[in-house]
Amino acid sequence: MAVRWRKDGSLVCAAMSDPETGDRYIDDGLHYQLSVVTKAIVADPRHKENGLWHWVERSEASEKKNP
């Protein structure tokens, strides 16, 4: 799934949101890299309701990548 990076810095699921002026579109390939390969973003615990994604803090991402 693709993600929209909002001007306010929030990340929202593109399939669950309408585009807004100033959005940056993150396609499926880059989303995969950010969420699966590098684990730089994670789905909100209530993602199915709100469609949000969150950036992971650098030290936290490092721990998830190299447990």
Protein backbone atom coordinates (compact mmCIF):
# COMPACT_ATOMS: atom_id res chain seq x y z
CA MET A 1 0.00 0.00 0.00
CA ALA A 2 1.14 3.51 -0.75
CA VAL A 3 1.39 6.27 1.85
CA ARG A 4 0.77 10.01 1.78
CA TRP A 5 3.27 12.20 3.62
CA ARG A 6 1.29 15.25 4.73
CA LYS A 7 2.67 18.78 5.01
CA ASP A 8 2.22 18.52 8.78
CA GLY A 9 4.58 15.51 8.80
CA SER A 10 1.95 12.84 9.35
CA LEU A 11 1.95 9.65 7.30
CA VAL A 12 -1.43 8.27 6.21
CA CYS A 13 -2.46 5.25 4.20
CA ALA A 14 -3.16 6.41 0.65
CA ALA A 15 -5.98 3.89 0.23
CA MET A 16 -7.74 5.19 3.34
CA SER A 17 -7.35 8.92 2.72
CA ASP A 18 -8.10 11.55 0.13
CA PRO A 19 -5.21 13.55 -1.33
CA GLU A 20 -4.56 17.02 0.09
CA THR A 21 -2.62 19.91 -1.38
CA GLY A 22 1.07 19.48 -0.59
CA ASP A 23 0.99 15.71 -0.02
CA ARG A 24 4.03 13.73 -1.08
CA TYR A 25 3.12 10.32 -2.44
CA ILE A 26 5.21 7.36 -1.29
CA ASP A 27 4.67 4.49 -3.71
CA ASP A 28 4.41 0.79 -2.86
CA GLY A 29 8.10 0.09 -3.48
CA LEU A 30 9.41 2.83 -1.22
CA HIS A 31 6.75 2.04 1.39
CA TYR A 32 8.01 -1.57 1.43
CA GLN A 33 11.59 -0.34 1.94
CA LEU A 34 10.53 1.97 4.77
CA SER A 35 8.25 -0.46 6.59
CA VAL A 36 9.71 -3.92 5.95
CA VAL A 37 13.36 -3.60 4.97
CA THR A 38 14.55 -0.71 7.16
CA LYS A 39 11.64 -0.67 9.63
CA ALA A 40 11.77 3.14 9.60
CA ILE A 41 7.98 3.42 9.76
CA VAL A 42 5.41 1.33 11.63
CA ALA A 43 1.64 1.13 11.46
CA ASP A 44 -0.32 2.77 14.24
CA PRO A 45 -1.86 0.23 16.65
CA ARG A 46 -5.27 1.47 15.42
CA HIS A 47 -4.20 1.58 11.76
CA LYS A 48 -7.33 -0.21 10.53
CA GLU A 49 -9.43 2.65 11.93
CA ASN A 50 -7.17 5.70 11.40
CA GLY A 51 -4.79 4.71 8.57
CA LEU A 52 -1.79 6.26 10.33
CA TRP A 53 1.88 5.32 10.08
CA HIS A 54 4.64 6.62 12.37
CA TRP A 55 8.35 7.25 11.97
CA VAL A 56 10.44 5.10 14.31
CA GLU A 57 13.16 6.76 16.38
CA ARG A 58 16.64 5.96 15.06
CA SER A 59 17.75 3.88 18.07
CA GLU A 60 14.43 2.01 18.08
CA ALA A 61 14.72 1.24 14.36
CA SER A 62 18.24 -0.08 14.86
CA GLU A 63 17.04 -2.44 17.59
CA LYS A 64 14.18 -3.75 15.41
CA LYS A 65 16.50 -4.30 12.45
CA ASN A 66 19.17 -6.08 14.52
CA PRO A 67 17.41 -7.81 17.45
